[in-house]
N, C-alpha and C. Protein backbone atom coordinates (compact mmCIF):
# COMPACT_ATOMS: atom_id res chain seq x y z
N MET A 1 147.55 112.42 -59.61
CA MET A 1 146.72 111.91 -58.55
C MET A 1 145.36 112.60 -58.61
N ARG A 2 144.31 111.85 -58.33
CA ARG A 2 142.95 112.38 -58.31
C ARG A 2 142.50 112.63 -56.88
N LYS A 3 141.61 113.59 -56.74
CA LYS A 3 140.99 113.87 -55.45
C LYS A 3 139.57 113.35 -55.50
N ASN A 4 139.14 112.63 -54.49
CA ASN A 4 137.78 112.11 -54.41
C ASN A 4 136.89 113.09 -53.64
N PHE A 5 135.69 113.33 -54.17
CA PHE A 5 134.75 114.24 -53.54
C PHE A 5 133.54 113.53 -52.95
N GLY A 6 133.43 112.22 -53.16
CA GLY A 6 132.26 111.50 -52.71
C GLY A 6 131.08 111.76 -53.65
N PRO A 7 129.91 111.24 -53.30
CA PRO A 7 128.76 111.42 -54.19
C PRO A 7 128.25 112.86 -54.15
N LYS A 8 128.39 113.55 -55.25
CA LYS A 8 127.97 114.95 -55.39
C LYS A 8 127.29 115.11 -56.75
N PRO A 9 126.45 116.14 -56.91
CA PRO A 9 125.82 116.39 -58.21
C PRO A 9 126.74 117.20 -59.12
N TYR A 10 127.97 116.71 -59.32
CA TYR A 10 128.96 117.42 -60.12
C TYR A 10 129.02 116.81 -61.50
N LEU A 11 128.63 117.57 -62.49
CA LEU A 11 128.73 117.14 -63.88
C LEU A 11 128.72 118.39 -64.74
N TYR A 12 129.55 118.38 -65.75
CA TYR A 12 129.62 119.53 -66.67
C TYR A 12 129.27 119.09 -68.08
N PRO A 13 128.56 119.87 -68.84
CA PRO A 13 127.82 121.04 -68.42
C PRO A 13 126.48 120.66 -67.80
N GLN A 14 125.94 121.55 -67.01
CA GLN A 14 124.58 121.42 -66.48
C GLN A 14 123.81 122.62 -67.02
N PRO A 15 122.99 122.38 -68.04
CA PRO A 15 122.30 123.53 -68.63
C PRO A 15 121.38 124.21 -67.62
N VAL A 16 121.28 125.52 -67.75
CA VAL A 16 120.36 126.28 -66.91
C VAL A 16 119.06 126.40 -67.69
N LEU A 17 118.02 125.77 -67.19
CA LEU A 17 116.74 125.67 -67.87
C LEU A 17 115.71 126.53 -67.14
N ILE A 18 114.97 127.32 -67.88
CA ILE A 18 113.90 128.12 -67.30
C ILE A 18 112.58 127.47 -67.71
N ILE A 19 111.88 126.92 -66.73
CA ILE A 19 110.64 126.19 -66.97
C ILE A 19 109.48 127.16 -66.88
N GLY A 20 108.66 127.21 -67.92
CA GLY A 20 107.52 128.12 -67.96
C GLY A 20 106.20 127.37 -67.92
N THR A 21 105.29 127.86 -67.09
CA THR A 21 103.95 127.27 -66.99
C THR A 21 102.93 128.39 -66.79
N TYR A 22 101.67 128.02 -66.96
CA TYR A 22 100.56 128.89 -66.56
C TYR A 22 99.85 128.23 -65.39
N ASP A 23 99.40 129.06 -64.42
CA ASP A 23 98.60 128.52 -63.34
C ASP A 23 97.14 128.42 -63.77
N GLU A 24 96.28 127.98 -62.86
CA GLU A 24 94.86 127.76 -63.19
C GLU A 24 94.13 129.04 -63.59
N ASP A 25 94.70 130.21 -63.23
CA ASP A 25 94.09 131.49 -63.59
C ASP A 25 94.73 132.10 -64.84
N GLY A 26 95.66 131.37 -65.46
CA GLY A 26 96.31 131.88 -66.66
C GLY A 26 97.49 132.79 -66.41
N ASN A 27 97.97 132.84 -65.17
CA ASN A 27 99.14 133.65 -64.84
C ASN A 27 100.42 132.87 -65.14
N PRO A 28 101.39 133.50 -65.80
CA PRO A 28 102.63 132.79 -66.11
C PRO A 28 103.53 132.65 -64.90
N ASP A 29 104.30 131.58 -64.90
CA ASP A 29 105.27 131.31 -63.84
C ASP A 29 106.56 130.85 -64.52
N ALA A 30 107.67 131.11 -63.87
CA ALA A 30 108.98 130.66 -64.37
C ALA A 30 109.81 130.18 -63.21
N MET A 31 110.57 129.11 -63.43
CA MET A 31 111.52 128.65 -62.43
C MET A 31 112.81 128.21 -63.09
N ASN A 32 113.89 128.32 -62.37
CA ASN A 32 115.21 127.93 -62.82
C ASN A 32 115.46 126.50 -62.38
N ALA A 33 115.87 125.65 -63.32
CA ALA A 33 116.21 124.26 -63.01
C ALA A 33 117.53 123.92 -63.68
N ALA A 34 118.44 123.32 -62.95
CA ALA A 34 119.75 123.00 -63.51
C ALA A 34 119.95 121.50 -63.72
N TRP A 35 119.08 120.67 -63.19
CA TRP A 35 119.28 119.23 -63.32
C TRP A 35 118.32 118.69 -64.36
N GLY A 36 118.72 118.78 -65.62
CA GLY A 36 117.88 118.27 -66.68
C GLY A 36 118.65 118.11 -67.97
N GLY A 37 118.02 117.37 -68.89
CA GLY A 37 118.65 117.17 -70.18
C GLY A 37 117.81 116.30 -71.08
N ILE A 38 118.25 116.16 -72.30
CA ILE A 38 117.58 115.32 -73.29
C ILE A 38 117.73 113.86 -72.87
N SER A 39 116.62 113.13 -72.86
CA SER A 39 116.67 111.73 -72.43
C SER A 39 116.22 110.76 -73.53
N GLU A 40 115.60 111.24 -74.57
CA GLU A 40 115.23 110.49 -75.77
C GLU A 40 115.24 111.50 -76.90
N ALA A 41 115.08 111.06 -78.13
CA ALA A 41 115.13 111.97 -79.28
C ALA A 41 114.10 113.08 -79.18
N ASN A 42 112.95 112.80 -78.59
CA ASN A 42 111.91 113.82 -78.46
C ASN A 42 111.45 113.97 -77.00
N GLN A 43 112.37 113.72 -76.05
CA GLN A 43 112.01 113.82 -74.64
C GLN A 43 113.07 114.56 -73.85
N ILE A 44 112.60 115.26 -72.83
CA ILE A 44 113.48 115.91 -71.87
C ILE A 44 113.10 115.39 -70.49
N SER A 45 114.10 115.22 -69.64
CA SER A 45 113.88 114.82 -68.25
C SER A 45 114.50 115.88 -67.35
N ILE A 46 113.75 116.27 -66.32
CA ILE A 46 114.19 117.33 -65.42
C ILE A 46 113.85 116.92 -64.00
N CYS A 47 114.76 117.18 -63.07
CA CYS A 47 114.52 116.89 -61.66
C CYS A 47 113.90 118.13 -61.01
N LEU A 48 112.63 118.02 -60.61
CA LEU A 48 111.90 119.12 -59.99
C LEU A 48 111.16 118.60 -58.76
N SER A 49 111.42 119.18 -57.60
CA SER A 49 110.72 118.72 -56.41
C SER A 49 109.26 119.14 -56.44
N ALA A 50 108.41 118.34 -55.83
CA ALA A 50 106.95 118.49 -55.92
C ALA A 50 106.42 119.79 -55.32
N GLY A 51 107.16 120.43 -54.44
CA GLY A 51 106.67 121.63 -53.78
C GLY A 51 106.65 122.88 -54.63
N HIS A 52 107.23 122.82 -55.80
CA HIS A 52 107.27 124.01 -56.66
C HIS A 52 105.90 124.30 -57.27
N LYS A 53 105.56 125.57 -57.32
CA LYS A 53 104.34 125.99 -58.00
C LYS A 53 104.36 125.53 -59.46
N THR A 54 105.51 125.59 -60.08
CA THR A 54 105.67 125.17 -61.47
C THR A 54 105.23 123.72 -61.66
N VAL A 55 105.60 122.86 -60.74
CA VAL A 55 105.21 121.44 -60.85
C VAL A 55 103.70 121.29 -60.74
N ARG A 56 103.10 121.96 -59.78
CA ARG A 56 101.63 121.90 -59.66
C ARG A 56 100.97 122.41 -60.95
N ASN A 57 101.51 123.52 -61.49
CA ASN A 57 100.95 124.09 -62.72
C ASN A 57 101.03 123.11 -63.89
N LEU A 58 102.19 122.53 -64.10
CA LEU A 58 102.35 121.67 -65.28
C LEU A 58 101.58 120.36 -65.14
N LEU A 59 101.39 119.90 -63.91
CA LEU A 59 100.58 118.70 -63.73
C LEU A 59 99.10 118.99 -64.03
N LYS A 60 98.65 120.20 -63.74
CA LYS A 60 97.27 120.57 -64.05
C LYS A 60 97.08 120.84 -65.54
N SER A 61 98.01 121.54 -66.14
CA SER A 61 97.86 121.94 -67.54
C SER A 61 98.34 120.88 -68.53
N GLY A 62 99.26 120.04 -68.10
CA GLY A 62 99.83 119.02 -68.99
C GLY A 62 100.86 119.59 -69.95
N ALA A 63 101.34 120.82 -69.69
CA ALA A 63 102.26 121.46 -70.62
C ALA A 63 103.25 122.36 -69.90
N PHE A 64 104.40 122.59 -70.56
CA PHE A 64 105.41 123.51 -70.05
C PHE A 64 106.36 123.86 -71.19
N THR A 65 107.10 124.95 -71.01
CA THR A 65 108.17 125.29 -71.93
C THR A 65 109.49 125.21 -71.17
N VAL A 66 110.55 124.98 -71.91
CA VAL A 66 111.89 124.96 -71.36
C VAL A 66 112.72 125.94 -72.18
N SER A 67 113.03 127.08 -71.59
CA SER A 67 113.86 128.07 -72.27
C SER A 67 115.31 127.89 -71.83
N VAL A 68 116.22 128.15 -72.75
CA VAL A 68 117.64 128.07 -72.46
C VAL A 68 118.09 129.41 -71.89
N ALA A 69 118.61 129.37 -70.67
CA ALA A 69 119.14 130.60 -70.06
C ALA A 69 120.39 131.03 -70.82
N ASP A 70 120.54 132.34 -70.98
CA ASP A 70 121.68 132.83 -71.75
C ASP A 70 122.48 133.86 -70.96
N ALA A 71 123.67 134.17 -71.47
CA ALA A 71 124.60 135.06 -70.77
C ALA A 71 124.04 136.47 -70.62
N GLY A 72 123.17 136.88 -71.52
CA GLY A 72 122.60 138.20 -71.44
C GLY A 72 121.54 138.38 -70.38
N HIS A 73 121.10 137.27 -69.77
CA HIS A 73 120.01 137.34 -68.79
C HIS A 73 120.32 136.53 -67.53
N VAL A 74 121.59 136.53 -67.12
CA VAL A 74 122.00 135.75 -65.94
C VAL A 74 121.24 136.21 -64.70
N LYS A 75 121.18 137.51 -64.48
CA LYS A 75 120.54 138.04 -63.27
C LYS A 75 119.08 137.61 -63.20
N GLU A 76 118.35 137.77 -64.31
CA GLU A 76 116.94 137.43 -64.34
C GLU A 76 116.71 135.93 -64.18
N CYS A 77 117.54 135.13 -64.85
CA CYS A 77 117.38 133.68 -64.75
C CYS A 77 117.73 133.17 -63.36
N ASP A 78 118.74 133.77 -62.73
CA ASP A 78 119.06 133.41 -61.35
C ASP A 78 117.90 133.79 -60.42
N TRP A 79 117.28 134.94 -60.67
CA TRP A 79 116.11 135.38 -59.89
C TRP A 79 115.01 134.33 -59.93
N PHE A 80 114.81 133.71 -61.10
CA PHE A 80 113.76 132.69 -61.22
C PHE A 80 114.05 131.46 -60.36
N GLY A 81 115.30 131.30 -59.92
CA GLY A 81 115.65 130.23 -59.00
C GLY A 81 115.63 130.66 -57.55
N ILE A 82 115.75 131.95 -57.32
CA ILE A 82 115.75 132.49 -55.94
C ILE A 82 114.33 132.73 -55.46
N ALA A 83 113.50 133.33 -56.31
CA ALA A 83 112.13 133.70 -55.93
C ALA A 83 111.18 132.53 -56.20
N SER A 84 110.36 132.22 -55.24
CA SER A 84 109.38 131.14 -55.39
C SER A 84 108.05 131.71 -55.87
N GLY A 85 107.47 131.06 -56.86
CA GLY A 85 106.14 131.44 -57.32
C GLY A 85 105.08 131.26 -56.24
N ASN A 86 105.39 130.46 -55.23
CA ASN A 86 104.45 130.28 -54.12
C ASN A 86 104.33 131.55 -53.28
N THR A 87 105.38 132.37 -53.25
CA THR A 87 105.37 133.57 -52.40
C THR A 87 105.59 134.87 -53.16
N VAL A 88 106.08 134.79 -54.41
CA VAL A 88 106.34 136.00 -55.22
C VAL A 88 105.59 135.85 -56.54
N PRO A 89 104.31 136.20 -56.55
CA PRO A 89 103.50 135.96 -57.75
C PRO A 89 103.90 136.83 -58.95
N ASP A 90 104.60 137.93 -58.71
CA ASP A 90 104.96 138.82 -59.83
C ASP A 90 106.44 138.73 -60.20
N LYS A 91 107.05 137.56 -59.98
CA LYS A 91 108.49 137.47 -60.21
C LYS A 91 108.88 137.65 -61.68
N ILE A 92 108.00 137.32 -62.62
CA ILE A 92 108.31 137.55 -64.03
C ILE A 92 108.33 139.05 -64.32
N ALA A 93 107.34 139.77 -63.82
CA ALA A 93 107.31 141.22 -64.00
C ALA A 93 108.50 141.89 -63.34
N ARG A 94 108.88 141.42 -62.15
CA ARG A 94 110.03 142.00 -61.45
C ARG A 94 111.31 141.79 -62.25
N ALA A 95 111.38 140.70 -63.01
CA ALA A 95 112.55 140.43 -63.85
C ALA A 95 112.53 141.28 -65.12
N GLY A 96 111.38 141.89 -65.40
CA GLY A 96 111.26 142.69 -66.62
C GLY A 96 111.04 141.85 -67.86
N PHE A 97 110.63 140.60 -67.68
CA PHE A 97 110.41 139.70 -68.82
C PHE A 97 109.01 139.90 -69.40
N HIS A 98 108.90 139.59 -70.68
CA HIS A 98 107.63 139.65 -71.40
C HIS A 98 107.26 138.25 -71.85
N VAL A 99 105.98 137.96 -71.82
CA VAL A 99 105.48 136.61 -72.09
C VAL A 99 104.61 136.60 -73.34
N SER A 100 104.77 135.55 -74.11
CA SER A 100 103.83 135.26 -75.19
C SER A 100 103.44 133.78 -75.05
N ARG A 101 102.32 133.42 -75.63
CA ARG A 101 101.83 132.05 -75.51
C ARG A 101 102.45 131.17 -76.59
N SER A 102 102.89 129.99 -76.21
CA SER A 102 103.39 129.02 -77.18
C SER A 102 102.30 128.68 -78.19
N GLU A 103 102.68 128.49 -79.43
CA GLU A 103 101.74 128.07 -80.47
C GLU A 103 101.39 126.59 -80.34
N PHE A 104 102.18 125.83 -79.58
CA PHE A 104 102.08 124.37 -79.58
C PHE A 104 101.54 123.77 -78.29
N VAL A 105 101.76 124.45 -77.16
CA VAL A 105 101.29 123.93 -75.87
C VAL A 105 100.77 125.10 -75.04
N ASN A 106 100.00 124.79 -74.01
CA ASN A 106 99.45 125.82 -73.14
C ASN A 106 100.48 126.21 -72.08
N ALA A 107 101.48 126.96 -72.53
CA ALA A 107 102.56 127.39 -71.64
C ALA A 107 103.19 128.66 -72.22
N PRO A 108 103.84 129.44 -71.36
CA PRO A 108 104.41 130.71 -71.82
C PRO A 108 105.80 130.56 -72.43
N LEU A 109 106.08 131.46 -73.35
CA LEU A 109 107.44 131.67 -73.86
C LEU A 109 107.91 133.01 -73.31
N PHE A 110 109.17 133.10 -73.01
CA PHE A 110 109.75 134.32 -72.48
C PHE A 110 110.51 134.99 -73.61
N GLU A 111 110.02 136.14 -74.04
CA GLU A 111 110.54 136.80 -75.22
C GLU A 111 112.02 137.14 -75.11
N GLU A 112 112.51 137.37 -73.90
CA GLU A 112 113.91 137.72 -73.71
C GLU A 112 114.84 136.52 -73.90
N LEU A 113 114.35 135.31 -73.75
CA LEU A 113 115.18 134.11 -73.91
C LEU A 113 114.93 133.55 -75.31
N PRO A 114 115.94 133.55 -76.18
CA PRO A 114 115.71 133.31 -77.60
C PRO A 114 115.54 131.86 -78.04
N MET A 115 115.66 130.89 -77.16
CA MET A 115 115.46 129.49 -77.56
C MET A 115 114.62 128.77 -76.52
N ALA A 116 113.66 127.98 -76.99
CA ALA A 116 112.80 127.24 -76.06
C ALA A 116 112.31 125.94 -76.68
N LEU A 117 111.96 125.01 -75.80
CA LEU A 117 111.32 123.76 -76.18
C LEU A 117 109.88 123.82 -75.68
N ASP A 118 108.92 123.51 -76.54
CA ASP A 118 107.52 123.41 -76.16
C ASP A 118 107.27 121.95 -75.81
N CYS A 119 106.76 121.68 -74.60
CA CYS A 119 106.67 120.29 -74.13
C CYS A 119 105.30 119.95 -73.56
N LYS A 120 104.94 118.68 -73.74
CA LYS A 120 103.77 118.09 -73.09
C LYS A 120 104.27 117.15 -72.00
N VAL A 121 103.57 117.14 -70.88
CA VAL A 121 103.94 116.26 -69.78
C VAL A 121 103.71 114.81 -70.18
N ILE A 122 104.74 113.99 -70.03
CA ILE A 122 104.59 112.54 -70.20
C ILE A 122 104.23 111.93 -68.85
N ASP A 123 105.07 112.22 -67.85
CA ASP A 123 104.78 111.76 -66.50
C ASP A 123 105.67 112.49 -65.51
N TYR A 124 105.29 112.37 -64.25
CA TYR A 124 106.05 112.96 -63.16
C TYR A 124 106.04 111.98 -62.00
N ASN A 125 107.20 111.70 -61.45
CA ASN A 125 107.32 110.78 -60.32
C ASN A 125 107.69 111.59 -59.08
N PRO A 126 106.76 111.79 -58.15
CA PRO A 126 107.07 112.60 -56.96
C PRO A 126 108.11 111.97 -56.05
N ASP A 127 108.30 110.64 -56.14
CA ASP A 127 109.32 109.99 -55.30
C ASP A 127 110.73 110.30 -55.79
N THR A 128 110.92 110.31 -57.11
CA THR A 128 112.24 110.59 -57.67
C THR A 128 112.38 112.04 -58.12
N CYS A 129 111.26 112.77 -58.17
CA CYS A 129 111.20 114.17 -58.63
C CYS A 129 111.51 114.31 -60.11
N ILE A 130 111.39 113.23 -60.86
CA ILE A 130 111.70 113.28 -62.29
C ILE A 130 110.46 113.58 -63.11
N LEU A 131 110.55 114.67 -63.86
CA LEU A 131 109.55 115.05 -64.84
C LEU A 131 110.05 114.65 -66.21
N ARG A 132 109.21 113.98 -66.97
CA ARG A 132 109.54 113.67 -68.37
C ARG A 132 108.55 114.40 -69.26
N GLY A 133 109.08 115.07 -70.27
CA GLY A 133 108.23 115.79 -71.19
C GLY A 133 108.51 115.41 -72.63
N GLU A 134 107.45 115.42 -73.43
CA GLU A 134 107.59 115.20 -74.86
C GLU A 134 107.85 116.55 -75.52
N ILE A 135 108.93 116.64 -76.26
CA ILE A 135 109.26 117.86 -76.99
C ILE A 135 108.43 117.86 -78.27
N VAL A 136 107.49 118.81 -78.37
CA VAL A 136 106.64 118.88 -79.55
C VAL A 136 107.11 119.95 -80.53
N ASN A 137 107.99 120.83 -80.08
CA ASN A 137 108.54 121.86 -80.96
C ASN A 137 109.75 122.49 -80.29
N VAL A 138 110.70 122.90 -81.11
CA VAL A 138 111.82 123.73 -80.65
C VAL A 138 111.71 125.03 -81.44
N ASN A 139 111.83 126.15 -80.75
CA ASN A 139 111.78 127.44 -81.44
C ASN A 139 112.97 128.28 -81.04
N ALA A 140 113.38 129.14 -81.97
CA ALA A 140 114.50 130.04 -81.71
C ALA A 140 114.29 131.35 -82.45
N ASP A 141 114.63 132.42 -81.80
CA ASP A 141 114.56 133.73 -82.42
C ASP A 141 115.60 133.82 -83.53
N GLU A 142 115.26 134.51 -84.59
CA GLU A 142 116.17 134.63 -85.73
C GLU A 142 117.49 135.28 -85.34
N SER A 143 117.51 136.03 -84.25
CA SER A 143 118.75 136.69 -83.82
C SER A 143 119.84 135.71 -83.41
N VAL A 144 119.48 134.45 -83.13
CA VAL A 144 120.50 133.46 -82.74
C VAL A 144 120.71 132.40 -83.82
N LEU A 145 120.27 132.69 -85.04
CA LEU A 145 120.44 131.76 -86.14
C LEU A 145 121.56 132.22 -87.07
N THR A 146 122.26 131.23 -87.61
CA THR A 146 123.22 131.45 -88.68
C THR A 146 122.94 130.39 -89.74
N GLY A 147 122.64 130.82 -90.94
CA GLY A 147 122.32 129.87 -92.00
C GLY A 147 121.09 129.04 -91.69
N GLY A 148 120.15 129.60 -90.93
CA GLY A 148 118.92 128.90 -90.58
C GLY A 148 119.05 127.91 -89.43
N LYS A 149 120.23 127.83 -88.81
CA LYS A 149 120.47 126.90 -87.70
C LYS A 149 120.79 127.69 -86.44
N ILE A 150 120.47 127.10 -85.28
CA ILE A 150 120.81 127.72 -84.00
C ILE A 150 122.33 127.79 -83.88
N ASP A 151 122.82 128.96 -83.57
CA ASP A 151 124.26 129.21 -83.47
C ASP A 151 124.59 129.43 -81.99
N PRO A 152 125.28 128.47 -81.35
CA PRO A 152 125.60 128.62 -79.93
C PRO A 152 126.40 129.88 -79.61
N ALA A 153 127.21 130.35 -80.55
CA ALA A 153 127.99 131.57 -80.30
C ALA A 153 127.08 132.78 -80.19
N LYS A 154 125.96 132.77 -80.89
CA LYS A 154 124.99 133.86 -80.79
C LYS A 154 124.04 133.64 -79.61
N LEU A 155 123.65 132.41 -79.35
CA LEU A 155 122.75 132.08 -78.23
C LEU A 155 123.43 132.35 -76.89
N ARG A 156 124.68 132.00 -76.76
CA ARG A 156 125.46 132.15 -75.54
C ARG A 156 124.78 131.49 -74.33
N PRO A 157 124.46 130.17 -74.45
CA PRO A 157 123.83 129.49 -73.33
C PRO A 157 124.78 129.42 -72.13
N ILE A 158 124.16 129.37 -70.94
CA ILE A 158 124.97 129.25 -69.73
C ILE A 158 124.79 127.87 -69.12
N THR A 159 125.79 127.48 -68.37
CA THR A 159 125.77 126.23 -67.63
C THR A 159 125.98 126.55 -66.15
N PHE A 160 125.41 125.72 -65.31
CA PHE A 160 125.57 125.87 -63.86
C PHE A 160 126.81 125.12 -63.44
N ASP A 161 127.67 125.77 -62.69
CA ASP A 161 128.86 125.15 -62.11
C ASP A 161 128.54 124.84 -60.65
N PRO A 162 128.18 123.57 -60.35
CA PRO A 162 127.75 123.23 -58.99
C PRO A 162 128.89 123.24 -57.97
N VAL A 163 130.12 123.13 -58.42
CA VAL A 163 131.25 123.12 -57.50
C VAL A 163 131.48 124.51 -56.92
N ASN A 164 131.37 125.52 -57.78
CA ASN A 164 131.69 126.90 -57.38
C ASN A 164 130.47 127.81 -57.30
N ASN A 165 129.27 127.23 -57.44
CA ASN A 165 128.02 128.02 -57.45
C ASN A 165 128.15 129.22 -58.39
N ALA A 166 128.42 128.91 -59.66
CA ALA A 166 128.64 129.95 -60.66
C ALA A 166 127.91 129.58 -61.95
N TYR A 167 127.76 130.56 -62.80
CA TYR A 167 127.25 130.33 -64.15
C TYR A 167 128.40 130.59 -65.12
N ILE A 168 128.51 129.74 -66.11
CA ILE A 168 129.57 129.83 -67.10
C ILE A 168 128.93 129.85 -68.48
N VAL A 169 129.40 130.73 -69.34
CA VAL A 169 128.87 130.78 -70.70
C VAL A 169 129.55 129.70 -71.55
N LEU A 170 128.76 129.06 -72.40
CA LEU A 170 129.29 128.07 -73.34
C LEU A 170 129.46 128.73 -74.70
N GLY A 171 130.25 128.12 -75.55
CA GLY A 171 130.29 128.68 -76.89
C GLY A 171 131.50 128.35 -77.74
N GLU A 172 132.63 128.00 -77.20
CA GLU A 172 133.81 127.76 -78.00
C GLU A 172 133.73 126.40 -78.70
N LYS A 173 133.88 126.40 -80.01
CA LYS A 173 133.90 125.15 -80.77
C LYS A 173 135.29 124.55 -80.68
N VAL A 174 135.35 123.25 -80.33
CA VAL A 174 136.64 122.58 -80.20
C VAL A 174 136.77 121.35 -81.09
N GLY A 175 135.73 121.01 -81.85
CA GLY A 175 135.81 119.85 -82.73
C GLY A 175 134.54 119.66 -83.51
N ASN A 176 134.52 118.60 -84.30
CA ASN A 176 133.38 118.26 -85.15
C ASN A 176 132.82 116.89 -84.75
N ALA A 177 131.57 116.88 -84.28
CA ALA A 177 130.94 115.65 -83.83
C ALA A 177 130.76 114.66 -84.98
N PHE A 178 130.93 113.41 -84.68
CA PHE A 178 130.77 112.30 -85.62
C PHE A 178 131.74 112.41 -86.79
N HIS A 179 132.85 113.10 -86.59
CA HIS A 179 133.84 113.26 -87.65
C HIS A 179 135.27 113.12 -87.13
N ASP A 180 135.63 113.91 -86.12
CA ASP A 180 137.01 113.98 -85.66
C ASP A 180 137.53 112.64 -85.16
N GLY A 181 136.68 111.87 -84.51
CA GLY A 181 137.09 110.56 -83.99
C GLY A 181 137.40 109.54 -85.07
N ALA A 182 136.90 109.78 -86.28
CA ALA A 182 137.16 108.84 -87.40
C ALA A 182 138.64 108.74 -87.71
N ALA A 183 139.43 109.73 -87.30
CA ALA A 183 140.87 109.68 -87.54
C ALA A 183 141.54 108.54 -86.78
N LEU A 184 140.85 107.98 -85.79
CA LEU A 184 141.43 106.91 -84.99
C LEU A 184 141.12 105.52 -85.55
N LYS A 185 140.40 105.45 -86.64
CA LYS A 185 140.06 104.14 -87.23
C LYS A 185 141.28 103.44 -87.73
């Protein structure tokens, strides 16, 4: 028997995304967003309400980065969702994070988070809160690579568990995409 929960934002996994922008004075900002994902081969869509400093920043600059939150930085990444850039201008420094500038867009990379997407703003709809970005580059620190490819076991990305308000680390391989299902032909 199944239990019905009604309409809720329950879906697994929900990647924990750290959105990076610069404000008009060149100060970096970071926010935690859990409602987002790949929506086209070179696009990401993220639900961000208009009141965030990050949204104002990316609409002015036309650029942002999306870093993958990892198990080694749960506390800091959660902080980026608790502290508002509107009221805590030094939240990146308080997290102990270091910033470098993306080579591809006018947005910050967070050195502590080893994987990021460099994005240009395609559009933002304030009614639906949907931001769409063009992915112009994906970068990863060599520490999370195996054989030149991103290794999820080394990256240790986290997912948001909306039912239990928890973060869960991803990483166990359970099959081979575009292969295992062929056994059913």
